[in-house]
N, C-alpha and C. Protein backbone atom coordinates (compact mmCIF):
# COMPACT_ATOMS: atom_id res chain seq x y z
N ALA A 1 57.44 -29.43 96.01
CA ALA A 1 57.56 -30.97 96.08
C ALA A 1 56.97 -31.50 94.72
N GLU A 2 55.84 -31.04 94.26
CA GLU A 2 55.25 -31.59 93.00
C GLU A 2 56.23 -31.34 91.83
N ARG A 3 56.78 -30.14 91.79
CA ARG A 3 57.62 -29.81 90.68
C ARG A 3 58.94 -30.45 90.80
N ASN A 4 59.55 -30.59 91.97
CA ASN A 4 60.90 -31.08 92.12
C ASN A 4 61.01 -32.51 92.64
N LYS A 5 59.89 -33.09 92.94
CA LYS A 5 59.73 -34.53 93.32
C LYS A 5 61.05 -35.08 94.04
N ASP A 6 61.87 -35.79 93.17
CA ASP A 6 62.93 -36.55 93.68
C ASP A 6 64.29 -35.66 93.69
N LYS A 7 64.18 -34.49 93.36
CA LYS A 7 65.37 -33.61 93.56
C LYS A 7 65.72 -33.47 95.02
N VAL A 8 66.98 -33.43 95.19
CA VAL A 8 67.48 -33.27 96.66
C VAL A 8 67.15 -31.90 97.21
N TYR A 9 66.53 -31.87 98.30
CA TYR A 9 66.24 -30.67 99.12
C TYR A 9 67.31 -30.43 100.08
N LEU A 10 67.83 -31.48 100.71
CA LEU A 10 68.72 -31.34 101.87
C LEU A 10 69.63 -32.52 101.88
N TYR A 11 70.95 -32.24 102.10
CA TYR A 11 71.95 -33.24 102.19
C TYR A 11 72.34 -33.10 103.78
N PHE A 12 72.26 -34.17 104.40
CA PHE A 12 72.72 -34.25 105.84
C PHE A 12 73.54 -35.54 106.14
N GLU A 13 74.78 -35.26 106.44
CA GLU A 13 75.75 -36.36 106.57
C GLU A 13 75.71 -37.22 105.36
N ASP A 14 75.24 -38.53 105.48
CA ASP A 14 75.27 -39.39 104.33
C ASP A 14 73.86 -39.53 103.73
N GLN A 15 72.93 -38.64 104.16
CA GLN A 15 71.51 -38.77 103.62
C GLN A 15 71.29 -37.65 102.55
N ALA A 16 70.61 -38.04 101.58
CA ALA A 16 70.04 -37.06 100.55
C ALA A 16 68.51 -37.12 100.70
N ILE A 17 67.93 -35.98 101.01
CA ILE A 17 66.47 -35.99 101.34
C ILE A 17 65.77 -35.17 100.31
N SER A 18 64.81 -35.81 99.57
CA SER A 18 64.12 -35.23 98.45
C SER A 18 63.04 -34.27 98.92
N TYR A 19 62.56 -33.50 98.01
CA TYR A 19 61.34 -32.57 98.24
C TYR A 19 60.12 -33.45 98.71
N LEU A 20 60.05 -34.53 97.94
CA LEU A 20 58.78 -35.34 98.38
C LEU A 20 59.01 -35.95 99.76
N GLN A 21 60.18 -36.41 100.10
CA GLN A 21 60.50 -36.97 101.46
C GLN A 21 60.18 -35.78 102.46
N LEU A 22 60.65 -34.60 102.26
CA LEU A 22 60.42 -33.48 103.14
C LEU A 22 58.90 -33.25 103.38
N ARG A 23 58.20 -33.19 102.17
CA ARG A 23 56.80 -32.94 102.37
C ARG A 23 56.08 -34.03 103.15
N ASP A 24 56.50 -35.29 102.79
CA ASP A 24 55.76 -36.42 103.51
C ASP A 24 56.02 -36.36 104.98
N ARG A 25 57.25 -36.20 105.39
CA ARG A 25 57.68 -36.30 106.81
C ARG A 25 57.11 -35.01 107.58
N THR A 26 57.17 -33.91 106.88
CA THR A 26 56.51 -32.72 107.47
C THR A 26 55.05 -32.84 107.75
N ALA A 27 54.40 -33.36 106.75
CA ALA A 27 52.91 -33.58 106.91
C ALA A 27 52.58 -34.58 107.99
N ARG A 28 53.36 -35.64 108.09
CA ARG A 28 53.13 -36.61 109.09
C ARG A 28 53.32 -36.08 110.47
N ILE A 29 54.30 -35.30 110.66
CA ILE A 29 54.60 -34.74 111.95
C ILE A 29 53.56 -33.62 112.29
N ALA A 30 53.15 -32.82 111.21
CA ALA A 30 52.14 -31.78 111.45
C ALA A 30 50.81 -32.54 111.93
N ASN A 31 50.38 -33.60 111.17
CA ASN A 31 49.16 -34.32 111.60
C ASN A 31 49.32 -34.97 113.01
N GLY A 32 50.47 -35.49 113.31
CA GLY A 32 50.71 -35.98 114.51
C GLY A 32 50.61 -35.00 115.65
N LEU A 33 51.12 -33.78 115.42
CA LEU A 33 50.96 -32.71 116.40
C LEU A 33 49.46 -32.37 116.62
N VAL A 34 48.77 -32.26 115.50
CA VAL A 34 47.35 -31.92 115.58
C VAL A 34 46.54 -32.97 116.45
N ASP A 35 46.94 -34.30 116.07
CA ASP A 35 46.29 -35.43 116.71
C ASP A 35 46.52 -35.38 118.25
N LEU A 36 47.67 -34.73 118.62
CA LEU A 36 48.08 -34.71 120.05
C LEU A 36 47.43 -33.44 120.72
N GLY A 37 46.75 -32.64 119.87
CA GLY A 37 46.09 -31.42 120.52
C GLY A 37 46.71 -30.18 120.25
N VAL A 38 47.82 -30.07 119.52
CA VAL A 38 48.53 -28.84 119.22
C VAL A 38 47.69 -28.07 118.22
N LYS A 39 47.40 -26.77 118.47
CA LYS A 39 46.56 -25.92 117.61
C LYS A 39 47.28 -24.64 117.10
N LYS A 40 46.62 -23.97 116.19
CA LYS A 40 47.22 -22.79 115.63
C LYS A 40 47.57 -21.81 116.91
N ASP A 41 48.58 -21.15 116.80
CA ASP A 41 49.09 -20.20 117.86
C ASP A 41 49.67 -20.90 119.11
N ASP A 42 49.55 -22.20 119.26
CA ASP A 42 50.29 -22.89 120.34
C ASP A 42 51.81 -22.79 120.20
N LYS A 43 52.52 -22.68 121.23
CA LYS A 43 53.99 -22.62 121.31
C LYS A 43 54.51 -24.04 121.36
N VAL A 44 55.50 -24.26 120.44
CA VAL A 44 56.21 -25.56 120.52
C VAL A 44 57.65 -25.26 120.48
N ALA A 45 58.31 -25.68 121.66
CA ALA A 45 59.73 -25.44 121.89
C ALA A 45 60.38 -26.73 121.29
N ILE A 46 61.52 -26.45 120.60
CA ILE A 46 62.34 -27.53 120.10
C ILE A 46 63.80 -27.34 120.58
N MET A 47 64.28 -28.36 121.30
CA MET A 47 65.66 -28.37 121.78
C MET A 47 66.40 -29.50 121.18
N GLY A 48 67.25 -29.17 120.23
CA GLY A 48 68.10 -30.30 119.51
C GLY A 48 69.18 -29.63 118.69
N TYR A 49 69.94 -30.54 118.21
CA TYR A 49 71.15 -30.15 117.21
C TYR A 49 70.48 -30.16 115.89
N ASN A 50 71.42 -29.82 114.99
CA ASN A 50 71.00 -29.75 113.52
C ASN A 50 70.76 -31.17 113.11
N SER A 51 69.56 -31.46 112.42
CA SER A 51 69.19 -32.72 111.96
C SER A 51 68.00 -32.60 111.07
N PRO A 52 67.83 -33.61 110.19
CA PRO A 52 66.58 -33.53 109.29
C PRO A 52 65.33 -33.50 110.14
N GLU A 53 65.31 -34.14 111.25
CA GLU A 53 64.09 -34.17 112.07
C GLU A 53 63.74 -32.80 112.57
N HIS A 54 64.76 -32.01 112.88
CA HIS A 54 64.64 -30.72 113.43
C HIS A 54 63.99 -29.92 112.25
N VAL A 55 64.43 -30.05 111.05
CA VAL A 55 63.95 -29.32 109.85
C VAL A 55 62.44 -29.78 109.61
N TYR A 56 62.18 -30.97 109.63
CA TYR A 56 60.72 -31.51 109.44
C TYR A 56 59.90 -30.82 110.47
N SER A 57 60.34 -30.85 111.74
CA SER A 57 59.47 -30.39 112.95
C SER A 57 59.22 -28.88 112.74
N MET A 58 60.33 -28.14 112.34
CA MET A 58 60.02 -26.71 112.09
C MET A 58 58.97 -26.46 110.99
N PHE A 59 59.03 -27.10 109.90
CA PHE A 59 58.08 -27.01 108.87
C PHE A 59 56.74 -27.43 109.35
N ALA A 60 56.63 -28.49 110.10
CA ALA A 60 55.38 -29.02 110.57
C ALA A 60 54.76 -28.07 111.50
N ILE A 61 55.45 -27.48 112.37
CA ILE A 61 54.95 -26.40 113.31
C ILE A 61 54.35 -25.27 112.49
N SER A 62 55.10 -24.82 111.50
CA SER A 62 54.61 -23.71 110.73
C SER A 62 53.37 -24.11 109.87
N THR A 63 53.30 -25.32 109.34
CA THR A 63 52.23 -25.87 108.60
C THR A 63 50.86 -25.75 109.31
N ILE A 64 50.92 -26.05 110.61
CA ILE A 64 49.73 -26.01 111.44
C ILE A 64 49.46 -24.62 112.07
N GLY A 65 50.29 -23.58 111.77
CA GLY A 65 50.12 -22.33 112.41
C GLY A 65 50.52 -22.24 113.79
N ALA A 66 51.26 -23.18 114.30
CA ALA A 66 51.80 -23.02 115.72
C ALA A 66 53.07 -22.26 115.69
N VAL A 67 53.63 -21.87 116.73
CA VAL A 67 54.75 -21.04 116.95
C VAL A 67 55.93 -21.82 117.32
N HIS A 68 57.02 -21.74 116.53
CA HIS A 68 58.23 -22.40 116.77
C HIS A 68 59.11 -21.62 117.75
N VAL A 69 59.51 -22.28 118.89
CA VAL A 69 60.33 -21.65 119.88
C VAL A 69 61.70 -22.45 119.96
N PRO A 70 62.72 -22.04 119.19
CA PRO A 70 64.04 -22.72 119.30
C PRO A 70 64.65 -22.53 120.70
N VAL A 71 65.12 -23.65 121.37
CA VAL A 71 65.78 -23.58 122.55
C VAL A 71 67.20 -24.03 122.38
N ASN A 72 68.15 -23.27 122.98
CA ASN A 72 69.55 -23.56 122.83
C ASN A 72 69.90 -24.92 123.40
N ALA A 73 70.52 -25.72 122.66
CA ALA A 73 70.88 -27.15 123.12
C ALA A 73 71.70 -27.15 124.39
N ALA A 74 72.42 -25.97 124.66
CA ALA A 74 73.45 -25.98 125.81
C ALA A 74 72.64 -25.58 127.07
N LEU A 75 71.42 -25.20 127.00
CA LEU A 75 70.65 -24.68 128.19
C LEU A 75 70.43 -25.73 129.22
N LYS A 76 70.49 -25.42 130.42
CA LYS A 76 70.23 -26.38 131.51
C LYS A 76 69.44 -25.58 132.64
N SER A 77 68.93 -26.32 133.44
CA SER A 77 68.37 -25.69 134.76
C SER A 77 67.61 -24.48 134.52
N ASP A 78 67.96 -23.42 135.27
CA ASP A 78 67.06 -22.16 135.19
C ASP A 78 66.97 -21.54 133.86
N GLY A 79 67.91 -21.51 133.01
CA GLY A 79 67.89 -21.01 131.69
C GLY A 79 66.92 -21.74 130.77
N LEU A 80 66.82 -23.00 130.91
CA LEU A 80 65.89 -23.89 130.12
C LEU A 80 64.55 -23.59 130.74
N ILE A 81 64.38 -23.61 131.99
CA ILE A 81 63.02 -23.36 132.63
C ILE A 81 62.50 -22.03 132.21
N TYR A 82 63.35 -20.99 132.17
CA TYR A 82 62.98 -19.68 131.81
C TYR A 82 62.44 -19.53 130.43
N ILE A 83 63.13 -20.05 129.39
CA ILE A 83 62.77 -19.97 128.02
C ILE A 83 61.43 -20.64 127.80
N VAL A 84 61.36 -21.92 128.25
CA VAL A 84 60.20 -22.74 128.00
C VAL A 84 58.94 -22.09 128.74
N ASN A 85 59.12 -21.64 129.90
CA ASN A 85 57.94 -20.95 130.65
C ASN A 85 57.58 -19.77 130.18
N GLN A 86 58.59 -18.82 129.92
CA GLN A 86 58.33 -17.49 129.46
C GLN A 86 57.62 -17.51 128.08
N SER A 87 57.97 -18.43 127.26
CA SER A 87 57.35 -18.50 125.93
C SER A 87 55.90 -19.14 125.93
N ASP A 88 55.49 -19.58 127.08
CA ASP A 88 54.22 -20.27 127.27
C ASP A 88 54.11 -21.55 126.33
N SER A 89 55.21 -22.18 126.06
CA SER A 89 55.22 -23.44 125.35
C SER A 89 54.49 -24.57 125.99
N GLU A 90 53.59 -25.24 125.22
CA GLU A 90 52.84 -26.32 125.68
C GLU A 90 53.33 -27.68 125.22
N THR A 91 54.11 -27.58 124.21
CA THR A 91 54.74 -28.79 123.67
C THR A 91 56.26 -28.66 123.73
N LEU A 92 57.00 -29.63 124.01
CA LEU A 92 58.47 -29.62 124.07
C LEU A 92 58.95 -30.81 123.15
N MET A 93 59.80 -30.47 122.12
CA MET A 93 60.32 -31.50 121.27
C MET A 93 61.74 -31.43 121.69
N VAL A 94 62.38 -32.56 122.14
CA VAL A 94 63.75 -32.53 122.61
C VAL A 94 64.42 -33.74 122.11
N GLU A 95 65.64 -33.49 121.64
CA GLU A 95 66.50 -34.65 121.14
C GLU A 95 66.91 -35.54 122.25
N GLN A 96 66.87 -36.78 121.96
CA GLN A 96 67.09 -37.91 122.97
C GLN A 96 68.38 -37.57 123.75
N GLU A 97 69.42 -37.19 123.05
CA GLU A 97 70.74 -36.91 123.76
C GLU A 97 70.67 -35.82 124.79
N LEU A 98 69.61 -34.93 124.62
CA LEU A 98 69.52 -33.75 125.47
C LEU A 98 68.50 -33.96 126.63
N TRP A 99 67.94 -35.20 126.65
CA TRP A 99 66.87 -35.39 127.77
C TRP A 99 67.52 -35.30 129.09
N GLU A 100 68.85 -35.65 129.31
CA GLU A 100 69.39 -35.46 130.66
C GLU A 100 69.34 -34.02 131.10
N SER A 101 69.24 -33.08 130.21
CA SER A 101 69.09 -31.62 130.69
C SER A 101 67.73 -31.33 131.03
N VAL A 102 66.81 -31.99 130.45
CA VAL A 102 65.30 -31.69 130.63
C VAL A 102 64.75 -32.43 131.86
N GLU A 103 65.09 -33.66 131.92
CA GLU A 103 64.50 -34.62 132.93
C GLU A 103 64.57 -33.99 134.35
N PRO A 104 65.68 -33.47 134.80
CA PRO A 104 65.67 -32.86 136.20
C PRO A 104 64.77 -31.71 136.52
N VAL A 105 64.42 -30.97 135.35
CA VAL A 105 63.58 -29.79 135.62
C VAL A 105 62.18 -30.06 135.00
N ARG A 106 61.94 -31.19 134.63
CA ARG A 106 60.67 -31.47 133.89
C ARG A 106 59.37 -30.92 134.69
N ASP A 107 59.33 -31.18 135.97
CA ASP A 107 58.20 -30.79 136.72
C ASP A 107 58.17 -29.22 137.00
N LYS A 108 59.14 -28.49 136.53
CA LYS A 108 59.15 -27.01 136.65
C LYS A 108 58.70 -26.36 135.28
N LEU A 109 58.53 -27.17 134.23
CA LEU A 109 58.07 -26.57 132.97
C LEU A 109 56.55 -26.45 133.06
N ALA A 110 56.14 -25.31 133.52
CA ALA A 110 54.78 -25.10 133.88
C ALA A 110 53.67 -25.47 132.94
N ASN A 111 53.87 -25.16 131.66
CA ASN A 111 52.78 -25.28 130.70
C ASN A 111 52.91 -26.49 129.83
N ILE A 112 53.98 -27.24 129.93
CA ILE A 112 54.23 -28.44 129.02
C ILE A 112 53.11 -29.48 129.27
N LYS A 113 52.45 -29.79 128.13
CA LYS A 113 51.37 -30.83 128.19
C LYS A 113 51.86 -32.04 127.53
N ARG A 114 52.88 -31.99 126.67
CA ARG A 114 53.32 -33.08 125.88
C ARG A 114 54.80 -32.86 125.53
N THR A 115 55.57 -34.02 125.61
CA THR A 115 56.95 -34.03 125.31
C THR A 115 57.27 -35.06 124.15
N ILE A 116 57.94 -34.61 123.12
CA ILE A 116 58.09 -35.46 122.01
C ILE A 116 59.67 -35.70 121.94
N ILE A 117 60.12 -36.89 121.82
CA ILE A 117 61.58 -37.18 121.81
C ILE A 117 62.00 -37.48 120.38
N LEU A 118 63.01 -36.54 119.91
CA LEU A 118 63.52 -36.64 118.61
C LEU A 118 64.75 -37.58 118.72
N PRO A 119 65.04 -38.42 117.64
CA PRO A 119 66.13 -39.31 117.76
C PRO A 119 67.39 -38.51 117.63
N SER A 120 68.38 -38.81 118.24
CA SER A 120 69.73 -38.24 118.22
C SER A 120 70.27 -38.48 116.88
N SER A 121 71.17 -37.59 116.32
CA SER A 121 71.74 -37.69 115.05
C SER A 121 72.34 -39.10 114.78
N GLY A 122 71.92 -39.63 113.57
CA GLY A 122 72.54 -40.95 113.28
C GLY A 122 71.67 -42.06 113.76
N GLU A 123 70.75 -41.88 114.59
CA GLU A 123 69.88 -42.88 115.19
C GLU A 123 68.62 -42.92 114.45
N GLY A 124 68.13 -44.14 114.15
CA GLY A 124 66.96 -44.35 113.40
C GLY A 124 65.65 -44.08 114.24
N GLY A 125 65.65 -44.42 115.47
CA GLY A 125 64.54 -44.23 116.32
C GLY A 125 64.96 -43.77 117.66
N SER A 126 64.07 -43.58 118.64
CA SER A 126 64.46 -43.25 119.87
C SER A 126 63.62 -44.01 120.92
N ASN A 127 64.25 -44.17 122.07
CA ASN A 127 63.56 -44.80 123.20
C ASN A 127 63.06 -43.63 124.12
N SER A 128 61.70 -43.59 124.12
CA SER A 128 61.10 -42.38 124.80
C SER A 128 61.11 -42.66 126.22
N PRO A 129 61.44 -41.72 127.07
CA PRO A 129 61.28 -41.93 128.53
C PRO A 129 59.77 -41.95 128.83
N PRO A 130 59.45 -42.47 130.06
CA PRO A 130 57.99 -42.52 130.46
C PRO A 130 57.31 -41.14 130.33
N GLY A 131 56.12 -41.26 129.81
CA GLY A 131 55.31 -40.03 129.73
C GLY A 131 55.70 -39.23 128.42
N CYS A 132 56.68 -39.66 127.69
CA CYS A 132 57.08 -38.96 126.37
C CYS A 132 56.58 -39.70 125.18
N ILE A 133 56.59 -39.00 124.07
CA ILE A 133 56.16 -39.51 122.78
C ILE A 133 57.32 -39.57 121.85
N SER A 134 57.51 -40.59 121.17
CA SER A 134 58.63 -40.81 120.17
C SER A 134 58.15 -40.09 118.91
N LEU A 135 59.08 -39.50 118.18
CA LEU A 135 58.85 -38.95 116.89
C LEU A 135 58.32 -40.04 115.96
N GLU A 136 58.79 -41.18 116.13
CA GLU A 136 58.32 -42.30 115.31
C GLU A 136 56.82 -42.45 115.39
N GLU A 137 56.22 -42.21 116.52
CA GLU A 137 54.74 -42.32 116.60
C GLU A 137 54.00 -41.28 115.70
N LEU A 138 54.63 -40.07 115.62
CA LEU A 138 53.95 -39.03 114.77
C LEU A 138 54.16 -39.35 113.27
N TYR A 139 55.20 -40.13 112.93
CA TYR A 139 55.45 -40.55 111.58
C TYR A 139 54.28 -41.44 111.05
N ARG A 140 53.61 -42.05 112.03
CA ARG A 140 52.51 -42.99 111.65
C ARG A 140 51.32 -42.24 111.17
N SER A 141 51.21 -41.01 111.40
CA SER A 141 50.14 -40.10 111.04
C SER A 141 50.02 -39.88 109.55
N SER A 142 48.92 -39.28 109.03
CA SER A 142 48.56 -39.15 107.59
C SER A 142 49.76 -38.29 106.98
N ASN A 143 49.91 -38.53 105.73
CA ASN A 143 50.87 -37.73 104.99
C ASN A 143 50.20 -36.68 104.12
N LYS A 144 48.85 -36.37 104.37
CA LYS A 144 48.19 -35.37 103.71
C LYS A 144 48.24 -34.08 104.53
N ALA A 145 48.78 -33.00 103.92
CA ALA A 145 48.89 -31.74 104.63
C ALA A 145 47.62 -31.32 105.28
N PRO A 146 47.71 -30.95 106.54
CA PRO A 146 46.41 -30.47 107.22
C PRO A 146 46.11 -29.13 106.69
N ARG A 147 44.81 -28.89 106.79
CA ARG A 147 44.29 -27.59 106.27
C ARG A 147 44.16 -26.64 107.52
N VAL A 148 44.91 -25.55 107.52
CA VAL A 148 44.83 -24.54 108.55
C VAL A 148 44.84 -23.13 107.98
N LEU A 149 43.98 -22.35 108.39
CA LEU A 149 43.90 -20.90 107.87
C LEU A 149 45.00 -20.16 108.44
N LEU A 150 45.97 -19.78 107.62
CA LEU A 150 47.14 -18.96 108.00
C LEU A 150 46.86 -17.50 107.51
N GLN A 151 47.27 -16.54 108.32
CA GLN A 151 47.08 -15.13 107.99
C GLN A 151 48.33 -14.35 108.08
N PRO A 152 48.44 -13.34 107.19
CA PRO A 152 49.68 -12.48 107.37
C PRO A 152 49.54 -11.89 108.79
N GLY A 153 50.70 -11.77 109.38
CA GLY A 153 50.74 -11.25 110.70
C GLY A 153 50.73 -12.33 111.78
N ASP A 154 50.29 -13.49 111.52
CA ASP A 154 50.36 -14.69 112.43
C ASP A 154 51.76 -14.75 112.97
N MET A 155 51.83 -14.98 114.35
CA MET A 155 53.18 -15.22 114.95
C MET A 155 53.62 -16.61 114.42
N THR A 156 54.95 -16.69 114.05
CA THR A 156 55.60 -17.91 113.45
C THR A 156 56.67 -18.47 114.42
N ARG A 157 57.36 -17.50 115.07
CA ARG A 157 58.59 -17.92 115.88
C ARG A 157 58.82 -16.93 117.01
N ILE A 158 59.24 -17.44 118.04
CA ILE A 158 59.89 -16.64 119.17
C ILE A 158 61.26 -17.13 119.30
N LEU A 159 62.21 -16.14 119.05
CA LEU A 159 63.61 -16.39 119.05
C LEU A 159 64.24 -15.67 120.26
N TYR A 160 64.95 -16.29 121.14
CA TYR A 160 65.34 -15.62 122.33
C TYR A 160 66.72 -15.01 122.18
N THR A 161 66.93 -13.77 122.71
CA THR A 161 68.26 -13.15 122.62
C THR A 161 69.26 -13.90 123.54
N SER A 162 70.45 -13.55 123.49
CA SER A 162 71.44 -14.27 124.37
C SER A 162 71.26 -13.80 125.84
N GLY A 163 70.71 -12.67 126.14
CA GLY A 163 70.47 -12.23 127.42
C GLY A 163 71.79 -11.65 128.13
N THR A 164 72.65 -11.02 127.27
CA THR A 164 73.92 -10.52 127.81
C THR A 164 73.72 -9.30 128.69
N THR A 165 72.61 -8.61 128.64
CA THR A 165 72.37 -7.44 129.64
C THR A 165 71.28 -7.74 130.63
N GLY A 166 70.83 -8.98 130.65
CA GLY A 166 69.72 -9.35 131.54
C GLY A 166 69.10 -10.62 131.12
N LEU A 167 67.91 -10.96 131.53
CA LEU A 167 67.34 -12.16 131.00
C LEU A 167 67.12 -12.09 129.49
N PRO A 168 67.14 -13.28 128.87
CA PRO A 168 66.88 -13.28 127.44
C PRO A 168 65.44 -12.72 127.11
N LYS A 169 65.35 -12.09 125.92
CA LYS A 169 64.04 -11.52 125.52
C LYS A 169 63.60 -12.20 124.30
N GLY A 170 62.29 -12.57 124.26
CA GLY A 170 61.77 -13.24 123.10
C GLY A 170 61.48 -12.26 121.92
N THR A 171 62.09 -12.51 120.82
CA THR A 171 61.88 -11.65 119.62
C THR A 171 60.85 -12.41 118.77
N VAL A 172 59.84 -11.81 118.29
CA VAL A 172 58.74 -12.48 117.61
C VAL A 172 58.89 -12.25 116.01
N THR A 173 58.74 -13.28 115.32
CA THR A 173 58.68 -13.27 113.87
C THR A 173 57.20 -13.57 113.44
N ARG A 174 56.70 -12.76 112.44
CA ARG A 174 55.35 -12.94 112.10
C ARG A 174 55.30 -13.34 110.56
N ARG A 175 54.22 -13.96 110.17
CA ARG A 175 54.04 -14.38 108.78
C ARG A 175 53.94 -13.17 107.93
N ALA A 176 54.60 -13.21 106.82
CA ALA A 176 54.65 -11.99 105.89
C ALA A 176 53.37 -11.93 105.09
N SER A 177 53.02 -10.78 104.68
CA SER A 177 51.97 -10.64 103.61
C SER A 177 52.38 -11.10 102.23
N PRO A 178 51.48 -11.71 101.52
CA PRO A 178 51.90 -12.18 100.11
C PRO A 178 52.37 -10.97 99.30
N SER A 179 53.33 -11.16 98.56
CA SER A 179 53.91 -10.14 97.66
C SER A 179 53.03 -9.86 96.51
């Protein structure tokens, strides 16, 4: 970000997002997550479509050493419950448009302590359901990158298989050793 400042990192629809914007939004979400009590090694499930907010959130989760658990946006009911519970996710980030899949099973998501609502694509903000936190609230946090000791071998992601021969299995990705 220092070297590339205003160069475009990501084009999304009609948006051009610079490296500095990426760093700023990632740090704000990372600090917001820390302020909410998310710690290194905590699992954070994200259920959403492709969007800049999804990218910022993935980087933020990694920045604080938490574990990113992508959740298929098409999952409902038992499939959604299984992935979130089996991964031991304590935080759920869900796109506003997908809330209707989460709301009916919310009380069955055993370990979820906090739910963060991501705006749906093309929307500036989101109206958070009761008991949920808007991503906009996290954007109010500091834009200074939090300091977390990250180690080679730390878990970074749990990606679930499709489950064609049984229940989906979580495959773990770990932080690589420096080259």
